[in-house]
PDB file of all heavy atoms in Angstrom:
ATOM      1  N   ASP A   1     109.762 116.995 102.093  1.00  0.00           N
ATOM      2  CA  ASP A   1     110.788 117.546 101.230  1.00  0.00           C
ATOM      3  C   ASP A   1     110.442 118.892 100.704  1.00  0.00           C
ATOM      4  O   ASP A   1     111.280 119.802 100.633  1.00  0.00           O
ATOM      5  CB  ASP A   1     111.127 116.578 100.091  1.00  0.00           C
ATOM      6  CG  ASP A   1     111.748 115.267 100.545  1.00  0.00           C
ATOM      7  OD1 ASP A   1     112.201 115.197 101.736  1.00  0.00           O
ATOM      8  OD2 ASP A   1     111.767 114.328  99.773  1.00  0.00           O
ATOM      9  N   LEU A   2     109.212 119.093 100.277  1.00  0.00           N
ATOM     10  CA  LEU A   2     108.755 120.367  99.740  1.00  0.00           C
ATOM     11  C   LEU A   2     108.838 121.448 100.797  1.00  0.00           C
ATOM     12  O   LEU A   2     109.340 122.575 100.518  1.00  0.00           O
ATOM     13  CB  LEU A   2     107.306 120.296  99.235  1.00  0.00           C
ATOM     14  CG  LEU A   2     107.063 119.952  97.799  1.00  0.00           C
ATOM     15  CD1 LEU A   2     105.596 119.730  97.529  1.00  0.00           C
ATOM     16  CD2 LEU A   2     107.593 121.041  96.899  1.00  0.00           C
ATOM     17  N   VAL A   3     108.363 121.186 101.988  1.00  0.00           N
ATOM     18  CA  VAL A   3     108.389 122.191 103.055  1.00  0.00           C
ATOM     19  C   VAL A   3     109.820 122.511 103.470  1.00  0.00           C
ATOM     20  O   VAL A   3     110.155 123.677 103.673  1.00  0.00           O
ATOM     21  CB  VAL A   3     107.546 121.737 104.248  1.00  0.00           C
ATOM     22  CG1 VAL A   3     107.720 122.679 105.424  1.00  0.00           C
ATOM     23  CG2 VAL A   3     106.069 121.650 103.851  1.00  0.00           C
ATOM     24  N   ALA A   4     110.660 121.468 103.537  1.00  0.00           N
ATOM     25  CA  ALA A   4     112.062 121.707 103.923  1.00  0.00           C
ATOM     26  C   ALA A   4     112.814 122.574 102.880  1.00  0.00           C
ATOM     27  O   ALA A   4     113.637 123.389 103.212  1.00  0.00           O
ATOM     28  CB  ALA A   4     112.785 120.391 104.067  1.00  0.00           C
ATOM     29  N   THR A   5     112.411 122.406 101.603  1.00  0.00           N
ATOM     30  CA  THR A   5     113.047 123.192 100.520  1.00  0.00           C
ATOM     31  C   THR A   5     112.520 124.582 100.432  1.00  0.00           C
ATOM     32  O   THR A   5     113.245 125.563 100.320  1.00  0.00           O
ATOM     33  CB  THR A   5     112.830 122.498  99.161  1.00  0.00           C
ATOM     34  OG1 THR A   5     113.263 121.148  99.238  1.00  0.00           O
ATOM     35  CG2 THR A   5     113.557 123.192  98.036  1.00  0.00           C
ATOM     36  N   ARG A   6     111.168 124.734 100.492  1.00  0.00           N
ATOM     37  CA  ARG A   6     110.509 126.037 100.261  1.00  0.00           C
ATOM     38  C   ARG A   6     110.298 126.887 101.493  1.00  0.00           C
ATOM     39  O   ARG A   6     110.178 128.076 101.402  1.00  0.00           O
ATOM     40  CB  ARG A   6     109.186 125.830  99.550  1.00  0.00           C
ATOM     41  CG  ARG A   6     109.378 125.287  98.156  1.00  0.00           C
ATOM     42  CD  ARG A   6     108.048 125.135  97.468  1.00  0.00           C
ATOM     43  NE  ARG A   6     108.263 124.714  96.103  1.00  0.00           N
ATOM     44  CZ  ARG A   6     107.859 125.403  95.049  1.00  0.00           C
ATOM     45  NH1 ARG A   6     107.194 126.534  95.232  1.00  0.00           N
ATOM     46  NH2 ARG A   6     108.042 124.985  93.850  1.00  0.00           N
ATOM     47  N   LYS A   7     110.195 126.243 102.648  1.00  0.00           N
ATOM     48  CA  LYS A   7     109.932 127.004 103.854  1.00  0.00           C
ATOM     49  C   LYS A   7     110.718 126.350 105.028  1.00  0.00           C
ATOM     50  O   LYS A   7     110.119 125.776 105.938  1.00  0.00           O
ATOM     51  CB  LYS A   7     108.417 126.924 104.168  1.00  0.00           C
ATOM     52  CG  LYS A   7     107.914 127.951 105.125  1.00  0.00           C
ATOM     53  CD  LYS A   7     106.989 128.889 104.392  1.00  0.00           C
ATOM     54  CE  LYS A   7     106.181 129.722 105.347  1.00  0.00           C
ATOM     55  NZ  LYS A   7     106.889 130.886 105.823  1.00  0.00           N
ATOM     56  N   PRO A   8     112.043 126.443 105.008  1.00  0.00           N
ATOM     57  CA  PRO A   8     112.856 125.823 106.066  1.00  0.00           C
ATOM     58  C   PRO A   8     112.505 126.412 107.417  1.00  0.00           C
ATOM     59  O   PRO A   8     112.153 127.570 107.558  1.00  0.00           O
ATOM     60  CB  PRO A   8     114.308 126.167 105.696  1.00  0.00           C
ATOM     61  CG  PRO A   8     114.246 126.935 104.391  1.00  0.00           C
ATOM     62  CD  PRO A   8     112.824 127.175 104.007  1.00  0.00           C
ATOM     63  N   GLY A   9     112.567 125.560 108.402  1.00  0.00           N
ATOM     64  CA  GLY A   9     112.232 125.993 109.766  1.00  0.00           C
ATOM     65  C   GLY A   9     110.762 125.768 110.127  1.00  0.00           C
ATOM     66  O   GLY A   9     110.416 125.923 111.282  1.00  0.00           O
ATOM     67  N   THR A  10     109.964 125.375 109.139  1.00  0.00           N
ATOM     68  CA  THR A  10     108.568 125.104 109.431  1.00  0.00           C
ATOM     69  C   THR A  10     108.407 123.658 109.805  1.00  0.00           C
ATOM     70  O   THR A  10     108.908 122.747 109.138  1.00  0.00           O
ATOM     71  CB  THR A  10     107.653 125.403 108.193  1.00  0.00           C
ATOM     72  OG1 THR A  10     107.819 126.789 107.847  1.00  0.00           O
ATOM     73  CG2 THR A  10     106.230 125.106 108.438  1.00  0.00           C
ATOM     74  N   GLN A  11     107.679 123.410 110.931  1.00  0.00           N
ATOM     75  CA  GLN A  11     107.455 122.056 111.329  1.00  0.00           C
ATOM     76  C   GLN A  11     106.217 121.553 110.669  1.00  0.00           C
ATOM     77  O   GLN A  11     105.224 122.277 110.533  1.00  0.00           O
ATOM     78  CB  GLN A  11     107.265 122.007 112.875  1.00  0.00           C
ATOM     79  CG  GLN A  11     107.033 120.638 113.394  1.00  0.00           C
ATOM     80  CD  GLN A  11     106.765 120.639 114.900  1.00  0.00           C
ATOM     81  OE1 GLN A  11     106.728 121.672 115.539  1.00  0.00           O
ATOM     82  NE2 GLN A  11     106.633 119.444 115.461  1.00  0.00           N
ATOM     83  N   VAL A  12     106.218 120.307 110.168  1.00  0.00           N
ATOM     84  CA  VAL A  12     105.079 119.744 109.423  1.00  0.00           C
ATOM     85  C   VAL A  12     104.581 118.493 110.164  1.00  0.00           C
ATOM     86  O   VAL A  12     105.376 117.656 110.542  1.00  0.00           O
ATOM     87  CB  VAL A  12     105.488 119.340 107.994  1.00  0.00           C
ATOM     88  CG1 VAL A  12     104.298 118.756 107.237  1.00  0.00           C
ATOM     89  CG2 VAL A  12     106.062 120.494 107.249  1.00  0.00           C
ATOM     90  N   ILE A  13     103.267 118.442 110.300  1.00  0.00           N
ATOM     91  CA  ILE A  13     102.629 117.269 110.859  1.00  0.00           C
ATOM     92  C   ILE A  13     101.621 116.809 109.829  1.00  0.00           C
ATOM     93  O   ILE A  13     100.712 117.570 109.488  1.00  0.00           O
ATOM     94  CB  ILE A  13     101.955 117.555 112.208  1.00  0.00           C
ATOM     95  CG1 ILE A  13     102.956 117.993 113.233  1.00  0.00           C
ATOM     96  CG2 ILE A  13     101.194 116.294 112.695  1.00  0.00           C
ATOM     97  CD1 ILE A  13     102.341 118.431 114.570  1.00  0.00           C
ATOM     98  N   VAL A  14     101.768 115.597 109.337  1.00  0.00           N
ATOM     99  CA  VAL A  14     100.811 115.051 108.363  1.00  0.00           C
ATOM    100  C   VAL A  14     100.014 113.958 109.092  1.00  0.00           C
ATOM    101  O   VAL A  14     100.553 113.000 109.553  1.00  0.00           O
ATOM    102  CB  VAL A  14     101.530 114.453 107.108  1.00  0.00           C
ATOM    103  CG1 VAL A  14     100.538 113.890 106.128  1.00  0.00           C
ATOM    104  CG2 VAL A  14     102.407 115.491 106.440  1.00  0.00           C
ATOM    105  N   LEU A  15      98.721 114.183 109.085  1.00  0.00           N
ATOM    106  CA  LEU A  15      97.793 113.252 109.744  1.00  0.00           C
ATOM    107  C   LEU A  15      96.861 112.678 108.645  1.00  0.00           C
ATOM    108  O   LEU A  15      96.639 113.337 107.652  1.00  0.00           O
ATOM    109  CB  LEU A  15      96.949 113.940 110.796  1.00  0.00           C
ATOM    110  CG  LEU A  15      97.711 114.658 111.886  1.00  0.00           C
ATOM    111  CD1 LEU A  15      96.804 115.607 112.661  1.00  0.00           C
ATOM    112  CD2 LEU A  15      98.362 113.698 112.797  1.00  0.00           C
ATOM    113  N   SER A  16      96.302 111.523 108.906  1.00  0.00           N
ATOM    114  CA  SER A  16      95.408 110.925 107.932  1.00  0.00           C
ATOM    115  C   SER A  16      94.477 109.949 108.645  1.00  0.00           C
ATOM    116  O   SER A  16      94.786 109.428 109.693  1.00  0.00           O
ATOM    117  CB  SER A  16      96.247 110.205 106.863  1.00  0.00           C
ATOM    118  OG  SER A  16      95.367 109.598 105.938  1.00  0.00           O
ATOM    119  N   SER A  17      93.426 109.598 107.929  1.00  0.00           N
ATOM    120  CA  SER A  17      92.503 108.614 108.436  1.00  0.00           C
ATOM    121  C   SER A  17      93.026 107.244 108.291  1.00  0.00           C
ATOM    122  O   SER A  17      92.624 106.293 108.983  1.00  0.00           O
ATOM    123  CB  SER A  17      91.116 108.750 107.761  1.00  0.00           C
ATOM    124  OG  SER A  17      91.284 108.725 106.343  1.00  0.00           O
ATOM    125  N   VAL A  18      93.978 107.006 107.354  1.00  0.00           N
ATOM    126  CA  VAL A  18      94.593 105.701 107.138  1.00  0.00           C
ATOM    127  C   VAL A  18      95.886 105.859 106.364  1.00  0.00           C
ATOM    128  O   VAL A  18      96.062 106.809 105.652  1.00  0.00           O
ATOM    129  CB  VAL A  18      93.606 104.748 106.407  1.00  0.00           C
ATOM    130  CG1 VAL A  18      93.417 105.197 104.980  1.00  0.00           C
ATOM    131  CG2 VAL A  18      94.087 103.327 106.410  1.00  0.00           C
ATOM    132  N   LEU A  19      96.833 104.988 106.608  1.00  0.00           N
ATOM    133  CA  LEU A  19      98.082 104.958 105.853  1.00  0.00           C
ATOM    134  C   LEU A  19      97.865 104.024 104.694  1.00  0.00           C
ATOM    135  O   LEU A  19      97.578 102.803 104.869  1.00  0.00           O
ATOM    136  CB  LEU A  19      99.245 104.474 106.721  1.00  0.00           C
ATOM    137  CG  LEU A  19     100.631 104.512 106.064  1.00  0.00           C
ATOM    138  CD1 LEU A  19     100.977 105.956 105.686  1.00  0.00           C
ATOM    139  CD2 LEU A  19     101.660 103.927 107.006  1.00  0.00           C
ATOM    140  N   LEU A  20      97.923 104.543 103.481  1.00  0.00           N
ATOM    141  CA  LEU A  20      97.603 103.756 102.281  1.00  0.00           C
ATOM    142  C   LEU A  20      98.817 102.976 101.798  1.00  0.00           C
ATOM    143  O   LEU A  20      99.948 103.408 101.816  1.00  0.00           O
ATOM    144  CB  LEU A  20      97.178 104.733 101.119  1.00  0.00           C
ATOM    145  CG  LEU A  20      95.883 105.524 101.374  1.00  0.00           C
ATOM    146  CD1 LEU A  20      95.691 106.464 100.211  1.00  0.00           C
ATOM    147  CD2 LEU A  20      94.718 104.562 101.486  1.00  0.00           C
ATOM    148  N   THR A  21      98.479 101.767 101.271  1.00  0.00           N
ATOM    149  CA  THR A  21      99.440 100.935 100.547  1.00  0.00           C
ATOM    150  C   THR A  21      98.994 100.950  99.097  1.00  0.00           C
ATOM    151  O   THR A  21      97.858 101.365  98.804  1.00  0.00           O
ATOM    152  CB  THR A  21      99.437  99.495 101.070  1.00  0.00           C
ATOM    153  OG1 THR A  21      98.170  98.943 100.844  1.00  0.00           O
ATOM    154  CG2 THR A  21      99.763  99.450 102.564  1.00  0.00           C
ATOM    155  N   PRO A  22      99.812 100.542  98.152  1.00  0.00           N
ATOM    156  CA  PRO A  22      99.363 100.532  96.756  1.00  0.00           C
ATOM    157  C   PRO A  22      98.068  99.714  96.578  1.00  0.00           C
ATOM    158  O   PRO A  22      97.177 100.112  95.847  1.00  0.00           O
ATOM    159  CB  PRO A  22     100.551  99.898  96.009  1.00  0.00           C
ATOM    160  CG  PRO A  22     101.753 100.220  96.811  1.00  0.00           C
ATOM    161  CD  PRO A  22     101.252 100.215  98.249  1.00  0.00           C
ATOM    162  N   HIS A  23      97.992  98.585  97.244  1.00  0.00           N
ATOM    163  CA  HIS A  23      96.795  97.712  97.144  1.00  0.00           C
ATOM    164  C   HIS A  23      95.571  98.429  97.723  1.00  0.00           C
ATOM    165  O   HIS A  23      94.485  98.451  97.120  1.00  0.00           O
ATOM    166  CB  HIS A  23      97.037  96.400  97.809  1.00  0.00           C
ATOM    167  CG  HIS A  23      95.816  95.500  97.839  1.00  0.00           C
ATOM    168  ND1 HIS A  23      95.363  94.892  96.692  1.00  0.00           N
ATOM    169  CD2 HIS A  23      94.940  95.192  98.824  1.00  0.00           C
ATOM    170  CE1 HIS A  23      94.267  94.184  97.005  1.00  0.00           C
ATOM    171  NE2 HIS A  23      94.002  94.371  98.272  1.00  0.00           N
ATOM    172  N   SER A  24      95.716  99.009  98.928  1.00  0.00           N
ATOM    173  CA  SER A  24      94.550  99.630  99.565  1.00  0.00           C
ATOM    174  C   SER A  24      94.106 100.886  98.816  1.00  0.00           C
ATOM    175  O   SER A  24      92.899 101.208  98.765  1.00  0.00           O
ATOM    176  CB  SER A  24      94.830  99.932 101.033  1.00  0.00           C
ATOM    177  OG  SER A  24      95.842 100.898 101.157  1.00  0.00           O
ATOM    178  N   ALA A  25      95.005 101.600  98.188  1.00  0.00           N
ATOM    179  CA  ALA A  25      94.672 102.809  97.428  1.00  0.00           C
ATOM    180  C   ALA A  25      93.748 102.473  96.246  1.00  0.00           C
ATOM    181  O   ALA A  25      92.747 103.081  96.022  1.00  0.00           O
ATOM    182  CB  ALA A  25      95.916 103.539  96.981  1.00  0.00           C
ATOM    183  N   VAL A  26      94.155 101.446  95.507  1.00  0.00           N
ATOM    184  CA  VAL A  26      93.355 100.985  94.379  1.00  0.00           C
ATOM    185  C   VAL A  26      92.030 100.449  94.843  1.00  0.00           C
ATOM    186  O   VAL A  26      90.949 100.715  94.263  1.00  0.00           O
ATOM    187  CB  VAL A  26      94.123  99.954  93.540  1.00  0.00           C
ATOM    188  CG1 VAL A  26      93.238  99.329  92.444  1.00  0.00           C
ATOM    189  CG2 VAL A  26      95.359 100.571  92.928  1.00  0.00           C
ATOM    190  N   GLU A  27      92.049  99.676  95.931  1.00  0.00           N
ATOM    191  CA  GLU A  27      90.807  99.113  96.464  1.00  0.00           C
ATOM    192  C   GLU A  27      89.842 100.223  96.921  1.00  0.00           C
ATOM    193  O   GLU A  27      88.646 100.169  96.621  1.00  0.00           O
ATOM    194  CB  GLU A  27      91.168  98.209  97.637  1.00  0.00           C
ATOM    195  CG  GLU A  27      90.025  97.425  98.199  1.00  0.00           C
ATOM    196  CD  GLU A  27      90.488  96.491  99.295  1.00  0.00           C
ATOM    197  OE1 GLU A  27      90.612  96.983 100.438  1.00  0.00           O
ATOM    198  OE2 GLU A  27      90.730  95.327  98.973  1.00  0.00           O
ATOM    199  N   LEU A  28      90.309 101.222  97.591  1.00  0.00           N
ATOM    200  CA  LEU A  28      89.486 102.346  98.051  1.00  0.00           C
ATOM    201  C   LEU A  28      88.943 103.152  96.891  1.00  0.00           C
ATOM    202  O   LEU A  28      87.823 103.629  96.890  1.00  0.00           O
ATOM    203  CB  LEU A  28      90.267 103.244  98.998  1.00  0.00           C
ATOM    204  CG  LEU A  28      90.460 102.712 100.395  1.00  0.00           C
ATOM    205  CD1 LEU A  28      91.408 103.607 101.166  1.00  0.00           C
ATOM    206  CD2 LEU A  28      89.140 102.611 101.097  1.00  0.00           C
ATOM    207  N   LEU A  29      89.782 103.353  95.852  1.00  0.00           N
ATOM    208  CA  LEU A  29      89.398 104.138  94.689  1.00  0.00           C
ATOM    209  C   LEU A  29      88.253 103.505  93.905  1.00  0.00           C
ATOM    210  O   LEU A  29      87.337 104.150  93.491  1.00  0.00           O
ATOM    211  CB  LEU A  29      90.613 104.377  93.802  1.00  0.00           C
ATOM    212  CG  LEU A  29      90.370 105.234  92.565  1.00  0.00           C
ATOM    213  CD1 LEU A  29      90.001 106.625  92.976  1.00  0.00           C
ATOM    214  CD2 LEU A  29      91.647 105.273  91.725  1.00  0.00           C
ATOM    215  N   PHE A  30      88.321 102.180  93.728  1.00  0.00           N
ATOM    216  CA  PHE A  30      87.333 101.536  92.881  1.00  0.00           C
ATOM    217  C   PHE A  30      86.328 100.649  93.615  1.00  0.00           C
ATOM    218  O   PHE A  30      85.573  99.963  93.008  1.00  0.00           O
ATOM    219  CB  PHE A  30      88.096 100.669  91.829  1.00  0.00           C
ATOM    220  CG  PHE A  30      88.954 101.550  90.929  1.00  0.00           C
ATOM    221  CD1 PHE A  30      90.278 101.346  90.888  1.00  0.00           C
ATOM    222  CD2 PHE A  30      88.389 102.553  90.150  1.00  0.00           C
ATOM    223  CE1 PHE A  30      91.114 102.140  90.059  1.00  0.00           C
ATOM    224  CE2 PHE A  30      89.190 103.350  89.376  1.00  0.00           C
ATOM    225  CZ  PHE A  30      90.585 103.125  89.309  1.00  0.00           C
ATOM    226  N   ALA A  31      86.309 100.757  94.925  1.00  0.00           N
ATOM    227  CA  ALA A  31      85.315  99.995  95.694  1.00  0.00           C
ATOM    228  C   ALA A  31      83.954 100.647  95.469  1.00  0.00           C
ATOM    229  O   ALA A  31      83.818 101.860  95.346  1.00  0.00           O
ATOM    230  CB  ALA A  31      85.640 100.021  97.191  1.00  0.00           C
ATOM    231  N   SER A  32      82.889  99.837  95.428  1.00  0.00           N
ATOM    232  CA  SER A  32      81.580 100.330  95.130  1.00  0.00           C
ATOM    233  C   SER A  32      81.021 101.199  96.265  1.00  0.00           C
ATOM    234  O   SER A  32      80.183 102.027  96.043  1.00  0.00           O
ATOM    235  CB  SER A  32      80.614  99.187  94.785  1.00  0.00           C
ATOM    236  OG  SER A  32      80.540  98.302  95.915  1.00  0.00           O
TER     237      SER A  32
END
């Protein structure tokens, strides 16, 4: 949404090591 609003015509590819869920985000944040 930000890129479409501020820089129309720019193609965006978002890559990541994992797709986070609310549960996995908290687990990753506070895991020892």
